[in-house]
């Protein structure tokens, strides 16, 4: 099976795009960093080090201090199965 090209892309090339998108939505760099930290366990210094070293996504996640146990619930678009179901139940109530 072919590996998606994002895994060979440098995290440092995509990180600024995450920040830009967050800022367009009224969010901050600190919020993006908090989410990345939640997902991967990187603290601020660790995240900055990974960006400076220009490692690829494969290595970024392979070296992550602690992938969050609920990371597998995140789906394309940033939603989780649990979150979407909760929204649907609230809407339908």
Protein backbone atom coordinates (compact mmCIF):
# COMPACT_ATOMS: atom_id res chain seq x y z
CA UNK A 1 0.00 0.00 0.00
CA UNK A 2 1.30 3.44 -0.85
CA UNK A 3 1.97 5.83 1.99
CA UNK A 4 0.32 9.24 1.83
CA UNK A 5 2.76 11.98 0.84
CA UNK A 6 2.02 14.01 3.99
CA UNK A 7 4.21 11.58 5.96
CA UNK A 8 7.29 12.66 4.00
CA UNK A 9 6.38 16.37 4.25
CA UNK A 10 8.23 18.47 6.81
CA UNK A 11 6.02 19.39 9.76
CA UNK A 12 7.67 22.84 9.68
CA UNK A 13 6.21 23.45 6.20
CA UNK A 14 2.64 22.70 7.27
CA UNK A 15 2.67 24.21 10.77
CA UNK A 16 2.44 27.83 9.49
CA UNK A 17 -0.59 26.79 7.43
CA UNK A 18 -2.25 25.45 10.59
CA UNK A 19 -1.60 28.81 12.26
CA UNK A 20 -2.97 30.77 9.28
CA UNK A 21 -6.14 28.69 9.18
CA UNK A 22 -6.65 29.02 12.92
CA UNK A 23 -6.18 32.80 12.77
CA UNK A 24 -8.70 33.06 9.90
CA UNK A 25 -11.16 31.35 12.22
CA UNK A 26 -10.40 33.72 15.09
CA UNK A 27 -8.08 31.35 16.94
CA UNK A 28 -4.48 31.81 18.09
CA UNK A 29 -1.09 30.14 17.73
CA UNK A 30 -1.29 29.27 21.42
CA UNK A 31 -4.53 27.37 20.82
CA UNK A 32 -2.97 25.43 17.92
CA UNK A 33 0.04 24.62 20.10
CA UNK A 34 -2.28 23.45 22.90
CA UNK A 35 -4.09 21.10 20.51
CA UNK A 36 -0.84 19.75 19.09
CA UNK A 37 0.40 19.27 22.65
CA UNK A 38 -2.80 17.47 23.64
CA UNK A 39 -2.52 15.16 20.65
CA UNK A 40 1.21 14.42 20.79
CA UNK A 41 2.48 15.25 24.27
CA UNK A 42 5.00 17.79 22.95
CA UNK A 43 5.56 20.75 25.27
CA UNK A 44 6.33 24.17 23.79
CA UNK A 45 10.10 23.61 23.75
CA UNK A 46 9.71 20.17 22.19
CA UNK A 47 7.37 21.48 19.51
CA UNK A 48 9.75 24.34 18.65
CA UNK A 49 12.64 21.86 18.46
CA UNK A 50 10.73 19.62 16.04
CA UNK A 51 9.91 22.62 13.85
CA UNK A 52 13.52 23.85 13.89
CA UNK A 53 14.85 20.40 12.93
CA UNK A 54 12.42 20.28 9.98
CA UNK A 55 11.47 16.67 10.60
CA UNK A 56 8.78 14.97 8.53
CA UNK A 57 5.33 14.03 9.83
CA UNK A 58 6.28 10.36 10.11
CA UNK A 59 9.13 11.22 12.47
CA UNK A 60 7.10 13.92 14.24
CA UNK A 61 4.49 11.37 15.30
CA UNK A 62 6.95 8.51 15.81
CA UNK A 63 8.94 10.66 18.27
CA UNK A 64 5.88 12.14 20.01
CA UNK A 65 6.25 11.86 23.78
CA UNK A 66 2.69 10.65 24.35
CA UNK A 67 0.02 10.26 21.66
CA UNK A 68 -3.31 10.96 23.35
CA UNK A 69 -5.32 7.75 23.86
CA UNK A 70 -8.37 9.31 22.14
CA UNK A 71 -6.41 10.37 19.04
CA UNK A 72 -7.94 7.52 17.05
CA UNK A 73 -11.37 9.14 17.47
CA UNK A 74 -10.33 12.17 15.40
CA UNK A 75 -11.66 11.99 11.86
CA UNK A 76 -10.94 13.93 8.68
CA UNK A 77 -12.06 17.51 9.19
CA UNK A 78 -11.09 17.50 12.86
CA UNK A 79 -14.30 16.07 14.30
CA UNK A 80 -14.53 12.97 16.42
CA UNK A 81 -17.17 10.29 16.25
CA UNK A 82 -18.09 11.07 19.82
CA UNK A 83 -18.32 14.83 19.21
CA UNK A 84 -20.48 14.56 16.11
CA UNK A 85 -22.88 12.14 17.81
CA UNK A 86 -23.20 14.43 20.82
CA UNK A 87 -23.99 17.39 18.54
CA UNK A 88 -26.59 15.32 16.67
CA UNK A 89 -28.25 14.21 19.90
CA UNK A 90 -28.35 17.79 21.20
CA UNK A 91 -29.81 19.04 17.90
CA UNK A 92 -32.45 16.30 17.78
CA UNK A 93 -33.50 16.74 21.41
